[in-house]
Amino acid sequence: MGIFIVIALLSLLMAGGFLIAFLWSVKDGQFDDNYSPPNRILFDNKPSPKN
């Protein structure tokens, strides 16, 4: 039964670490996309005419 507690604590610790890493990367601007929005208008897919 003790191993379940250890595994649960380790999984919570790992999940907390991933959450901290994700929040740090979002705050640091890792997921900011500066390329796609200006170029999205250039490659607009027009719907095909219906036959």
C-alpha atoms as a PDB file:
ATOM      1  CA  MET A   1       0.000   0.000   0.000  1.00  0.00           C
ATOM      2  CA  GLY A   2       2.927   2.302   0.655  1.00  0.00           C
ATOM      3  CA  ILE A   3       4.092   2.044  -2.963  1.00  0.00           C
ATOM      4  CA  PHE A   4       0.799   3.566  -4.144  1.00  0.00           C
ATOM      5  CA  ILE A   5       1.435   6.638  -2.012  1.00  0.00           C
ATOM      6  CA  VAL A   6       4.963   6.963  -3.373  1.00  0.00           C
ATOM      7  CA  ILE A   7       3.767   6.578  -6.968  1.00  0.00           C
ATOM      8  CA  ALA A   8       0.950   9.096  -6.416  1.00  0.00           C
ATOM      9  CA  LEU A   9       3.351  11.639  -4.918  1.00  0.00           C
ATOM     10  CA  LEU A  10       5.840  11.154  -7.748  1.00  0.00           C
ATOM     11  CA  SER A  11       3.143  11.560 -10.381  1.00  0.00           C
ATOM     12  CA  LEU A  12       1.877  14.743  -8.704  1.00  0.00           C
ATOM     13  CA  LEU A  13       5.431  16.056  -8.548  1.00  0.00           C
ATOM     14  CA  MET A  14       5.975  15.319 -12.235  1.00  0.00           C
ATOM     15  CA  ALA A  15       2.645  16.901 -13.195  1.00  0.00           C
ATOM     16  CA  GLY A  16       3.534  19.996 -11.187  1.00  0.00           C
ATOM     17  CA  GLY A  17       6.889  20.170 -12.934  1.00  0.00           C
ATOM     18  CA  PHE A  18       5.264  19.977 -16.354  1.00  0.00           C
ATOM     19  CA  LEU A  19       2.744  22.640 -15.347  1.00  0.00           C
ATOM     20  CA  ILE A  20       5.508  24.958 -14.160  1.00  0.00           C
ATOM     21  CA  ALA A  21       7.480  24.367 -17.378  1.00  0.00           C
ATOM     22  CA  PHE A  22       4.398  25.066 -19.499  1.00  0.00           C
ATOM     23  CA  LEU A  23       3.533  28.269 -17.648  1.00  0.00           C
ATOM     24  CA  TRP A  24       7.154  29.422 -17.859  1.00  0.00           C
ATOM     25  CA  SER A  25       7.263  28.815 -21.616  1.00  0.00           C
ATOM     26  CA  VAL A  26       3.979  30.673 -22.151  1.00  0.00           C
ATOM     27  CA  LYS A  27       5.224  33.612 -20.079  1.00  0.00           C
ATOM     28  CA  ASP A  28       8.539  33.597 -21.948  1.00  0.00           C
ATOM     29  CA  GLY A  29       6.739  33.875 -25.310  1.00  0.00           C
ATOM     30  CA  GLN A  30       7.580  30.430 -26.633  1.00  0.00           C
ATOM     31  CA  PHE A  31       4.142  30.016 -28.188  1.00  0.00           C
ATOM     32  CA  ASP A  32       3.878  33.462 -29.761  1.00  0.00           C
ATOM     33  CA  ASP A  33       3.360  33.075 -33.488  1.00  0.00           C
ATOM     34  CA  ASN A  34       4.580  36.157 -35.311  1.00  0.00           C
ATOM     35  CA  TYR A  35       4.809  34.574 -38.760  1.00  0.00           C
ATOM     36  CA  SER A  36       1.415  33.046 -39.524  1.00  0.00           C
ATOM     37  CA  PRO A  37      -1.074  35.881 -38.885  1.00  0.00           C
ATOM     38  CA  PRO A  38       0.427  38.363 -41.400  1.00  0.00           C
ATOM     39  CA  ASN A  39       0.809  35.670 -44.056  1.00  0.00           C
ATOM     40  CA  ARG A  40      -2.540  33.967 -43.522  1.00  0.00           C
ATOM     41  CA  ILE A  41      -4.313  36.584 -45.640  1.00  0.00           C
ATOM     42  CA  LEU A  42      -1.984  35.883 -48.575  1.00  0.00           C
ATOM     43  CA  PHE A  43      -2.916  32.209 -48.763  1.00  0.00           C
ATOM     44  CA  ASP A  44      -6.663  32.441 -48.284  1.00  0.00           C
ATOM     45  CA  ASN A  45      -8.396  29.329 -49.572  1.00  0.00           C
ATOM     46  CA  LYS A  46     -11.453  30.254 -51.539  1.00  0.00           C
ATOM     47  CA  PRO A  47     -14.329  27.785 -51.605  1.00  0.00           C
ATOM     48  CA  SER A  48     -14.671  25.886 -54.852  1.00  0.00           C
ATOM     49  CA  PRO A  49     -17.764  26.599 -56.955  1.00  0.00           C
ATOM     50  CA  LYS A  50     -20.521  24.046 -56.658  1.00  0.00           C
ATOM     51  CA  ASN A  51     -21.256  22.009 -59.774  1.00  0.00           C
END
